[in-house]
Structures are given as C-alpha cells and as structure tokens.
C-alpha cells in the first residue's frame, strides 16, 4: 500500500460502494464466515446506513482516492455543559492499511468534528478481547473511563424484553 497522504471526509450516498465494501470487510474481520454476504451488506448500506434518517455518519479515510478505513459515529444529547457527546461506534481499517496512521487520522478527524459541533466529549467502547485496539487508544492519550458500566440486550433477550408490557 502506498504511503501517500491520508485524507478524511464524511461519506455521502455517492460513496455507497466504498462504504459497503468496508463494512463487509469489517464484518469478515470480526465474524468470519458468519458475516453477511457482500450483496446483503450493499443492500443494508443503501437502505439503512447512507440515508437521511440513519442517525449515523461515516467518515471515510482515503489514500490516493481509495477508501482504506472508516469510522461510524453519532452526536448524542444531552451531555454536560449544553454540549453534545460524539460517540464512535466502529473504527476499522483494511488489513493492508494497519499500522500506517489511518486509525490515528480517523480519530483526529472525529475529534475535530466533535470540537466543531460543540461536543464536550468523545466516547467509544472497545472489546476487552481486543488488546491491540486498547493499546492504540491508550497510546494516543485517551483516558479509559471506568465510571460507566456497559449493558446490552441482544438476540432473543431483546425480542423478549420488547414484547413485554
């Protein structure tokens, strides 16, 4: 992979193919053969991600016009001091782009977006089984927040909870 300049920008509907490919590669990375097909991911991105009502934005990292990573985020309210909190959902770079500054570039771009939008916090989670991610976040100076406990409903538990009165 070339060592050219990494640029970032917010994805638009015109970036459908690039976003779908990156999402697909992300799912392959994390879920292997349990990942949706490339075709299913493309339909999902078209119908749910790059729409006006998605409530998520995607920052694309590019090198020489080729998408090599992404960050998905949303600004959430309320937050302290009448500001918002930028929440990073996923950060992903292609295998061949790892260790070449793409993640750092994406994180700095998200920080700039947070500041520009009046956010007072920039939050995210990391899986405890991903030491490489945690080392990266600590290396760039992020503080590990220990005052929060993360909860989740998923799968059948989510459906059962939703069905109760």
C-alpha atoms as a PDB file:
ATOM      1  CA  UNK A   1       0.000   0.000   0.000  1.00  0.00           C
ATOM      2  CA  UNK A   2       1.305   3.419  -0.945  1.00  0.00           C
ATOM      3  CA  UNK A   3       2.451   5.729   1.837  1.00  0.00           C
ATOM      4  CA  UNK A   4       0.646   8.752   0.313  1.00  0.00           C
ATOM      5  CA  UNK A   5      -1.346  11.275   2.299  1.00  0.00           C
ATOM      6  CA  UNK A   6      -4.384  10.026   4.185  1.00  0.00           C
ATOM      7  CA  UNK A   7      -7.466  12.221   3.835  1.00  0.00           C
ATOM      8  CA  UNK A   8     -10.807  12.009   5.623  1.00  0.00           C
ATOM      9  CA  UNK A   9     -14.293  13.118   4.674  1.00  0.00           C
ATOM     10  CA  UNK A  10     -17.910  12.416   5.555  1.00  0.00           C
ATOM     11  CA  UNK A  11     -19.368   9.753   3.273  1.00  0.00           C
ATOM     12  CA  UNK A  12     -22.394  10.514   1.109  1.00  0.00           C
ATOM     13  CA  UNK A  13     -24.819   8.289  -0.791  1.00  0.00           C
ATOM     14  CA  UNK A  14     -22.401   8.503  -3.727  1.00  0.00           C
ATOM     15  CA  UNK A  15     -19.920   6.515  -1.594  1.00  0.00           C
ATOM     16  CA  UNK A  16     -22.275   3.545  -1.354  1.00  0.00           C
ATOM     17  CA  UNK A  17     -19.890   1.017  -2.953  1.00  0.00           C
ATOM     18  CA  UNK A  18     -16.893   2.058  -0.847  1.00  0.00           C
ATOM     19  CA  UNK A  19     -18.850   2.059   2.424  1.00  0.00           C
ATOM     20  CA  UNK A  20     -20.484  -1.289   1.630  1.00  0.00           C
ATOM     21  CA  UNK A  21     -17.083  -2.848   0.848  1.00  0.00           C
ATOM     22  CA  UNK A  22     -15.516  -1.507   4.055  1.00  0.00           C
ATOM     23  CA  UNK A  23     -18.477  -2.648   6.167  1.00  0.00           C
ATOM     24  CA  UNK A  24     -18.303  -6.067   4.530  1.00  0.00           C
ATOM     25  CA  UNK A  25     -14.550  -6.340   5.186  1.00  0.00           C
ATOM     26  CA  UNK A  26     -15.112  -5.194   8.784  1.00  0.00           C
ATOM     27  CA  UNK A  27     -17.708  -7.913   9.338  1.00  0.00           C
ATOM     28  CA  UNK A  28     -15.418 -10.523   7.760  1.00  0.00           C
ATOM     29  CA  UNK A  29     -12.659  -9.408  10.111  1.00  0.00           C
ATOM     30  CA  UNK A  30     -14.827  -9.764  13.214  1.00  0.00           C
ATOM     31  CA  UNK A  31     -17.301 -12.515  12.280  1.00  0.00           C
ATOM     32  CA  UNK A  32     -15.600 -14.584   9.571  1.00  0.00           C
ATOM     33  CA  UNK A  33     -17.993 -16.953   7.802  1.00  0.00           C
ATOM     34  CA  UNK A  34     -20.894 -15.658   9.947  1.00  0.00           C
ATOM     35  CA  UNK A  35     -20.667 -12.262   8.219  1.00  0.00           C
ATOM     36  CA  UNK A  36     -23.459 -11.275   5.822  1.00  0.00           C
ATOM     37  CA  UNK A  37     -22.710 -11.593   2.119  1.00  0.00           C
ATOM     38  CA  UNK A  38     -21.260  -8.663   0.214  1.00  0.00           C
ATOM     39  CA  UNK A  39     -24.585  -8.312  -1.607  1.00  0.00           C
ATOM     40  CA  UNK A  40     -26.600  -8.250   1.622  1.00  0.00           C
ATOM     41  CA  UNK A  41     -24.222  -5.664   3.078  1.00  0.00           C
ATOM     42  CA  UNK A  42     -24.535  -3.481  -0.019  1.00  0.00           C
ATOM     43  CA  UNK A  43     -28.340  -3.536   0.292  1.00  0.00           C
ATOM     44  CA  UNK A  44     -28.114  -2.789   4.019  1.00  0.00           C
ATOM     45  CA  UNK A  45     -25.820   0.205   3.463  1.00  0.00           C
ATOM     46  CA  UNK A  46     -28.104   1.525   0.719  1.00  0.00           C
ATOM     47  CA  UNK A  47     -31.332   1.053   2.686  1.00  0.00           C
ATOM     48  CA  UNK A  48     -30.232   1.819   6.253  1.00  0.00           C
ATOM     49  CA  UNK A  49     -26.835   3.494   6.539  1.00  0.00           C
ATOM     50  CA  UNK A  50     -26.450   6.145   3.857  1.00  0.00           C
ATOM     51  CA  UNK A  51     -29.942   7.564   4.230  1.00  0.00           C
ATOM     52  CA  UNK A  52     -31.174  10.876   5.611  1.00  0.00           C
ATOM     53  CA  UNK A  53     -32.839   9.133   8.565  1.00  0.00           C
ATOM     54  CA  UNK A  54     -29.938   6.849   9.546  1.00  0.00           C
ATOM     55  CA  UNK A  55     -28.830   8.865  12.603  1.00  0.00           C
ATOM     56  CA  UNK A  56     -25.254   7.811  11.888  1.00  0.00           C
ATOM     57  CA  UNK A  57     -22.450   9.351   9.898  1.00  0.00           C
ATOM     58  CA  UNK A  58     -19.480   7.660   8.298  1.00  0.00           C
ATOM     59  CA  UNK A  59     -16.034   9.216   7.991  1.00  0.00           C
ATOM     60  CA  UNK A  60     -14.036   7.648   5.179  1.00  0.00           C
ATOM     61  CA  UNK A  61     -10.254   7.526   5.279  1.00  0.00           C
ATOM     62  CA  UNK A  62      -8.772   7.568   1.804  1.00  0.00           C
ATOM     63  CA  UNK A  63      -5.341   7.323   0.279  1.00  0.00           C
ATOM     64  CA  UNK A  64      -4.964   8.341  -3.359  1.00  0.00           C
ATOM     65  CA  UNK A  65      -8.750   8.206  -3.779  1.00  0.00           C
ATOM     66  CA  UNK A  66      -9.123   4.657  -2.422  1.00  0.00           C
ATOM     67  CA  UNK A  67     -11.168   4.065   0.753  1.00  0.00           C
ATOM     68  CA  UNK A  68      -8.934   2.308   3.315  1.00  0.00           C
ATOM     69  CA  UNK A  69     -10.860   2.782   6.551  1.00  0.00           C
ATOM     70  CA  UNK A  70     -13.922   4.226   8.208  1.00  0.00           C
ATOM     71  CA  UNK A  71     -15.346   5.446  11.470  1.00  0.00           C
ATOM     72  CA  UNK A  72     -19.080   5.408  12.181  1.00  0.00           C
ATOM     73  CA  UNK A  73     -20.342   7.938  14.712  1.00  0.00           C
ATOM     74  CA  UNK A  74     -23.267   9.920  16.038  1.00  0.00           C
ATOM     75  CA  UNK A  75     -23.566  13.023  18.195  1.00  0.00           C
ATOM     76  CA  UNK A  76     -25.703  12.304  21.241  1.00  0.00           C
ATOM     77  CA  UNK A  77     -27.548  14.580  23.643  1.00  0.00           C
ATOM     78  CA  UNK A  78     -27.729  15.503  26.456  1.00  0.00           C
ATOM     79  CA  UNK A  79     -24.139  15.930  27.544  1.00  0.00           C
ATOM     80  CA  UNK A  80     -22.519  18.222  30.121  1.00  0.00           C
ATOM     81  CA  UNK A  81     -22.465  21.989  29.668  1.00  0.00           C
ATOM     82  CA  UNK A  82     -25.155  22.068  26.969  1.00  0.00           C
ATOM     83  CA  UNK A  83     -22.847  20.296  24.544  1.00  0.00           C
ATOM     84  CA  UNK A  84     -23.101  17.009  22.771  1.00  0.00           C
ATOM     85  CA  UNK A  85     -21.117  13.811  23.030  1.00  0.00           C
ATOM     86  CA  UNK A  86     -19.657  12.367  19.872  1.00  0.00           C
ATOM     87  CA  UNK A  87     -19.955   8.582  20.135  1.00  0.00           C
ATOM     88  CA  UNK A  88     -17.734   6.422  17.952  1.00  0.00           C
ATOM     89  CA  UNK A  89     -19.459   3.135  17.121  1.00  0.00           C
ATOM     90  CA  UNK A  90     -16.806   1.497  14.943  1.00  0.00           C
ATOM     91  CA  UNK A  91     -13.308   2.253  13.737  1.00  0.00           C
ATOM     92  CA  UNK A  92     -11.923  -0.030  11.047  1.00  0.00           C
ATOM     93  CA  UNK A  93      -9.009  -0.024   8.639  1.00  0.00           C
ATOM     94  CA  UNK A  94      -8.182  -2.523   5.948  1.00  0.00           C
ATOM     95  CA  UNK A  95      -5.542  -5.053   6.982  1.00  0.00           C
ATOM     96  CA  UNK A  96      -3.048  -3.687   4.485  1.00  0.00           C
ATOM     97  CA  UNK A  97      -3.501  -0.166   5.911  1.00  0.00           C
ATOM     98  CA  UNK A  98      -2.977  -1.053   9.585  1.00  0.00           C
ATOM     99  CA  UNK A  99      -0.029   0.466  11.386  1.00  0.00           C
ATOM    100  CA  UNK A 100       0.252   3.252   8.817  1.00  0.00           C
ATOM    101  CA  UNK A 101      -1.523   6.106  10.598  1.00  0.00           C
ATOM    102  CA  UNK A 102      -5.036   5.533   9.284  1.00  0.00           C
ATOM    103  CA  UNK A 103      -6.617   4.929  12.697  1.00  0.00           C
ATOM    104  CA  UNK A 104      -4.874   7.959  14.174  1.00  0.00           C
ATOM    105  CA  UNK A 105      -6.002  10.104  11.249  1.00  0.00           C
ATOM    106  CA  UNK A 106      -9.602   8.939  11.677  1.00  0.00           C
ATOM    107  CA  UNK A 107      -9.535   9.590  15.438  1.00  0.00           C
ATOM    108  CA  UNK A 108      -8.145  13.102  14.937  1.00  0.00           C
ATOM    109  CA  UNK A 109     -10.794  13.817  12.317  1.00  0.00           C
ATOM    110  CA  UNK A 110     -13.504  12.695  14.745  1.00  0.00           C
ATOM    111  CA  UNK A 111     -12.021  14.929  17.446  1.00  0.00           C
ATOM    112  CA  UNK A 112     -12.100  17.874  15.025  1.00  0.00           C
ATOM    113  CA  UNK A 113     -15.726  17.126  14.153  1.00  0.00           C
ATOM    114  CA  UNK A 114     -16.592  16.923  17.860  1.00  0.00           C
ATOM    115  CA  UNK A 115     -14.993  20.298  18.579  1.00  0.00           C
ATOM    116  CA  UNK A 116     -16.559  21.924  15.503  1.00  0.00           C
ATOM    117  CA  UNK A 117     -20.017  20.700  16.539  1.00  0.00           C
ATOM    118  CA  UNK A 118     -19.700  21.908  20.114  1.00  0.00           C
ATOM    119  CA  UNK A 119     -19.272  18.487  21.676  1.00  0.00           C
ATOM    120  CA  UNK A 120     -17.753  18.327  25.127  1.00  0.00           C
ATOM    121  CA  UNK A 121     -16.945  14.613  24.996  1.00  0.00           C
ATOM    122  CA  UNK A 122     -15.772  11.980  22.533  1.00  0.00           C
ATOM    123  CA  UNK A 123     -16.653   8.482  23.768  1.00  0.00           C
ATOM    124  CA  UNK A 124     -16.333   4.917  22.485  1.00  0.00           C
ATOM    125  CA  UNK A 125     -16.024   1.362  23.683  1.00  0.00           C
ATOM    126  CA  UNK A 126     -13.524  -1.372  22.947  1.00  0.00           C
ATOM    127  CA  UNK A 127     -13.922  -5.103  23.340  1.00  0.00           C
ATOM    128  CA  UNK A 128     -11.868  -6.488  26.208  1.00  0.00           C
ATOM    129  CA  UNK A 129     -10.617  -9.218  23.881  1.00  0.00           C
ATOM    130  CA  UNK A 130      -9.054  -6.667  21.517  1.00  0.00           C
ATOM    131  CA  UNK A 131      -5.806  -5.637  23.222  1.00  0.00           C
ATOM    132  CA  UNK A 132      -4.451  -4.103  20.018  1.00  0.00           C
ATOM    133  CA  UNK A 133      -7.317  -1.593  19.979  1.00  0.00           C
ATOM    134  CA  UNK A 134      -6.955  -0.802  23.679  1.00  0.00           C
ATOM    135  CA  UNK A 135      -3.197  -0.288  23.294  1.00  0.00           C
ATOM    136  CA  UNK A 136      -3.837   2.042  20.354  1.00  0.00           C
ATOM    137  CA  UNK A 137      -6.364   4.147  22.286  1.00  0.00           C
ATOM    138  CA  UNK A 138      -4.073   4.407  25.295  1.00  0.00           C
ATOM    139  CA  UNK A 139      -1.075   5.229  23.064  1.00  0.00           C
ATOM    140  CA  UNK A 140      -2.916   8.196  21.542  1.00  0.00           C
ATOM    141  CA  UNK A 141      -3.694   9.516  25.025  1.00  0.00           C
ATOM    142  CA  UNK A 142      -7.320   8.506  25.562  1.00  0.00           C
ATOM    143  CA  UNK A 143      -8.453   8.046  29.154  1.00  0.00           C
ATOM    144  CA  UNK A 144     -10.000   4.694  29.995  1.00  0.00           C
ATOM    145  CA  UNK A 145     -13.394   5.515  31.527  1.00  0.00           C
ATOM    146  CA  UNK A 146     -14.091   3.222  34.447  1.00  0.00           C
ATOM    147  CA  UNK A 147     -17.091   5.081  35.834  1.00  0.00           C
ATOM    148  CA  UNK A 148     -19.506   3.544  33.328  1.00  0.00           C
ATOM    149  CA  UNK A 149     -20.860   0.017  33.102  1.00  0.00           C
ATOM    150  CA  UNK A 150     -21.931  -1.149  29.654  1.00  0.00           C
ATOM    151  CA  UNK A 151     -25.254  -3.050  29.365  1.00  0.00           C
ATOM    152  CA  UNK A 152     -26.865  -4.827  26.435  1.00  0.00           C
ATOM    153  CA  UNK A 153     -29.965  -6.620  25.235  1.00  0.00           C
ATOM    154  CA  UNK A 154     -29.398  -8.716  22.120  1.00  0.00           C
ATOM    155  CA  UNK A 155     -30.922 -11.576  20.173  1.00  0.00           C
ATOM    156  CA  UNK A 156     -33.787 -13.367  21.887  1.00  0.00           C
ATOM    157  CA  UNK A 157     -33.378 -11.327  25.085  1.00  0.00           C
ATOM    158  CA  UNK A 158     -34.007  -8.135  23.108  1.00  0.00           C
ATOM    159  CA  UNK A 159     -37.088  -9.561  21.411  1.00  0.00           C
ATOM    160  CA  UNK A 160     -38.497 -10.939  24.674  1.00  0.00           C
ATOM    161  CA  UNK A 161     -37.966  -7.647  26.503  1.00  0.00           C
ATOM    162  CA  UNK A 162     -39.620  -5.696  23.682  1.00  0.00           C
ATOM    163  CA  UNK A 163     -42.664  -7.981  23.733  1.00  0.00           C
ATOM    164  CA  UNK A 164     -43.379  -7.470  27.451  1.00  0.00           C
ATOM    165  CA  UNK A 165     -45.971  -4.948  28.639  1.00  0.00           C
END
